[in-house]
Protein backbone atom coordinates (compact mmCIF):
# COMPACT_ATOMS: atom_id res chain seq x y z
CA MET A 1 98.48 156.00 154.67
CA SER A 2 100.04 156.60 151.36
CA LEU A 3 98.24 157.38 148.14
CA ALA A 4 99.02 153.95 146.65
CA SER A 5 97.53 152.03 149.56
CA THR A 6 94.41 154.25 149.52
CA ASN A 7 93.86 153.60 145.80
CA PHE A 8 94.41 149.88 146.35
CA SER A 9 91.90 149.79 149.21
CA ASP A 10 89.36 151.64 147.09
CA ARG A 11 89.89 149.17 144.26
CA LEU A 12 89.40 146.19 146.59
CA SER A 13 86.13 147.62 147.90
CA ARG A 14 84.88 148.19 144.33
CA ILE A 15 85.73 144.58 143.41
CA GLU A 16 83.94 143.23 146.47
CA SER A 17 80.84 145.29 145.76
CA SER A 18 80.73 144.16 142.10
CA GLN A 19 81.09 140.50 143.14
CA LYS A 20 78.18 140.82 145.54
CA ARG A 21 76.11 142.37 142.75
CA LEU A 22 77.06 139.63 140.22
CA LYS A 23 76.80 136.75 142.75
CA GLY A 24 80.18 135.21 141.97
CA GLY A 25 80.18 136.04 138.27
CA VAL A 26 82.90 137.68 136.27
CA VAL A 27 82.57 140.77 134.10
CA LEU A 28 84.86 140.95 131.09
CA HIS A 29 85.49 144.26 129.38
CA VAL A 30 86.78 144.16 125.82
CA GLY A 31 86.85 147.63 124.37
CA ASP A 32 83.37 149.09 124.83
CA ASN A 33 81.75 145.64 125.15
CA GLU A 34 80.93 144.06 128.49
CA MET A 35 80.20 140.36 128.93
CA ARG A 36 79.00 138.70 132.14
CA VAL A 37 79.98 135.05 132.67
CA ARG A 38 79.66 132.81 135.69
CA SER A 39 82.85 130.83 135.18
CA VAL A 40 85.80 130.41 132.86
CA SER A 41 84.50 127.02 131.66
CA GLU A 42 81.25 128.68 130.57
CA LEU A 43 83.28 131.20 128.60
CA ARG A 44 85.24 128.40 126.93
CA ARG A 45 82.02 126.61 125.96
CA ALA A 46 80.58 129.78 124.45
CA VAL A 47 83.71 130.38 122.36
CA ALA A 48 83.86 126.73 121.25
CA GLN A 49 80.21 126.77 120.16
CA GLU A 50 80.76 129.86 118.06
CA LYS A 51 83.65 128.21 116.21
CA THR A 52 82.01 124.84 115.50
CA THR A 53 78.62 126.02 114.28
CA THR A 54 78.43 125.20 110.57
CA GLY A 55 74.69 125.38 110.03
CA PHE A 56 72.26 122.81 108.66
CA ARG A 57 73.43 120.91 105.59
CA PRO A 58 70.56 118.73 104.32
CA PHE A 59 72.48 117.12 101.46
CA ALA A 60 75.28 116.04 103.78
CA PHE A 61 73.12 113.15 105.01
CA LEU A 62 72.59 111.90 101.46
CA GLY A 63 76.30 112.34 100.75
CA ALA A 64 77.24 110.39 103.87
CA THR A 65 74.95 107.50 102.86
CA VAL A 66 76.41 107.43 99.34
CA LEU A 67 79.86 107.56 100.88
CA GLY A 68 79.05 104.42 102.87
CA THR A 69 78.00 102.71 99.61
CA PHE A 70 81.24 103.81 97.97
CA GLY A 71 83.19 102.41 100.92
CA VAL A 72 81.63 98.95 100.50
CA VAL A 73 82.21 98.88 96.74
CA ALA A 74 85.81 100.00 97.19
CA ALA A 75 86.48 97.52 100.01
CA LEU A 76 85.00 94.60 98.06
CA ALA A 77 86.86 95.57 94.89
CA LEU A 78 90.12 95.79 96.82
CA ARG A 79 89.45 92.48 98.51
CA GLU A 80 88.73 90.73 95.21
CA ARG A 81 91.69 92.29 93.39
CA ILE A 82 94.55 92.24 95.90
CA LEU A 83 93.62 89.65 98.53
CA THR A 84 96.68 87.60 99.43
CA PRO A 85 96.40 84.09 100.89
CA GLN A 86 97.78 85.32 104.22
CA ILE A 87 95.08 87.98 104.54
CA ALA A 88 92.43 85.52 103.35
CA ALA A 89 93.45 83.12 106.11
CA LEU A 90 93.15 85.90 108.71
CA ILE A 91 89.64 86.98 107.66
CA ASN A 92 88.40 83.49 106.74
CA ASN A 93 86.04 83.27 109.74
CA HIS A 94 84.54 86.78 109.43
CA PRO A 95 84.74 88.06 105.83
CA GLN A 96 81.67 90.32 106.14
CA LEU A 97 83.07 91.91 109.29
CA ALA A 98 86.36 92.59 107.48
CA VAL A 99 84.48 94.21 104.58
CA PHE A 100 82.46 96.30 107.03
CA GLY A 101 85.59 97.50 108.82
CA ALA A 102 87.43 98.31 105.60
CA ALA A 103 84.37 100.09 104.18
CA LEU A 104 83.97 102.14 107.34
CA LEU A 105 87.64 103.09 107.28
CA ILE A 106 87.44 104.14 103.62
CA ALA A 107 84.21 106.08 104.21
CA MET A 108 85.67 107.86 107.23
CA ILE A 109 88.87 108.83 105.40
CA VAL A 110 87.03 110.16 102.36
CA GLY A 111 84.44 111.78 104.67
CA PHE A 112 87.22 113.60 106.49
CA PHE A 113 88.34 115.22 103.24
CA LEU A 114 84.75 116.06 102.28
CA ARG A 115 84.07 117.47 105.78
CA LEU A 116 81.43 114.85 106.60
CA THR A 117 82.75 114.05 110.07
CA SER A 118 79.99 114.55 112.63
CA ILE A 119 78.55 111.70 114.66
CA LYS A 120 75.20 111.96 112.85
CA LEU A 121 76.89 111.75 109.47
CA LEU A 122 78.96 108.79 110.66
CA ALA A 123 75.69 107.05 111.53
CA PHE A 124 74.44 107.68 107.99
CA GLN A 125 77.72 106.31 106.60
CA ILE A 126 77.21 103.16 108.65
CA ALA A 127 73.61 102.92 107.44
CA GLY A 128 74.82 103.20 103.84
CA ILE A 129 77.40 100.49 104.47
CA LEU A 130 74.87 98.10 106.00
CA LEU A 131 72.27 98.72 103.28
CA THR A 132 74.83 98.16 100.53
CA MET A 133 76.21 95.02 102.13
CA ALA A 134 72.67 93.65 102.38
CA THR A 135 71.77 94.35 98.74
CA LEU A 136 74.98 94.41 96.66
CA HIS A 137 74.68 90.76 95.66
CA ASN A 138 71.74 91.79 93.42
CA LEU A 139 74.24 93.55 91.13
CA ALA A 140 75.57 90.13 90.12
CA PHE A 141 72.09 89.25 88.80
CA TRP A 142 71.12 92.58 87.25
CA GLN A 143 74.46 93.67 85.73
CA PRO A 144 76.84 90.68 85.71
CA GLN A 145 79.27 92.22 83.19
CA ILE A 146 79.73 95.40 85.23
CA ALA A 147 80.00 93.42 88.47
CA ALA A 148 82.64 91.16 86.90
CA GLN A 149 84.66 94.21 85.85
CA VAL A 150 84.38 96.00 89.19
CA PHE A 151 84.84 92.98 91.44
CA SER A 152 85.73 89.73 89.64
CA PRO A 153 84.03 86.98 87.63
CA ASP A 154 84.54 84.64 90.60
CA TRP A 155 82.61 87.03 92.84
CA VAL A 156 79.72 87.11 90.34
CA ALA A 157 79.70 83.30 90.12
CA HIS A 158 79.76 82.98 93.92
CA GLN A 159 76.90 85.48 94.39
CA THR A 160 74.68 83.86 91.75
CA ALA A 161 75.33 80.41 93.22
CA THR A 162 74.71 81.27 96.88
CA HIS A 163 72.03 84.00 96.78
CA ALA A 164 68.69 84.60 95.08
CA ALA A 165 67.91 87.64 92.95
CA ARG A 166 65.84 90.54 94.32
CA THR A 167 66.56 89.88 97.99
CA VAL A 168 67.88 91.72 101.00
CA ILE A 169 70.16 89.64 103.21
CA PHE A 170 70.86 90.45 106.88
CA GLY A 171 72.99 87.69 108.35
CA GLN A 172 71.04 84.46 107.78
CA THR A 173 67.73 86.23 107.08
CA THR A 174 66.71 86.61 103.43
CA ILE A 175 63.91 89.03 102.59
CA PRO A 176 62.58 88.97 98.99
CA PHE A 177 61.29 92.18 97.42
């Protein structure tokens, strides 16, 4: 036997003995550090978790809720200012659903730039959108001049004619407060 085959046989026996000791695991040596992993997928998960950990941000939940409110105000203002008859005909059957979708899109885009993109924060954005959609008509009663400037005088007239002041509206259910 040559020297190369002897060294190779010795190396194979060392590998087999280490695999029996680790029970199918893998030992990675990086410099002086040694890390034991069971599989490559476990290693990938460990590296991915290290990169995505940003810590707890308590004010992010408040920011996400306010972002949902901003999305509704922006979507309604855009709808009142630049709504064409063709678009109005398309959303005629479901105007609240169209506002919800536009508000969610606006909130998600702005949230992307503000780094408010987790699933939990998206849920808070949706909660802010729903809460604002249920209560925004009260602005027409409390501050009609501001509401007329932000949205339109027609929107203020429609809200005061169809809704009561100091209420929360979910679909067809009106809850006074």
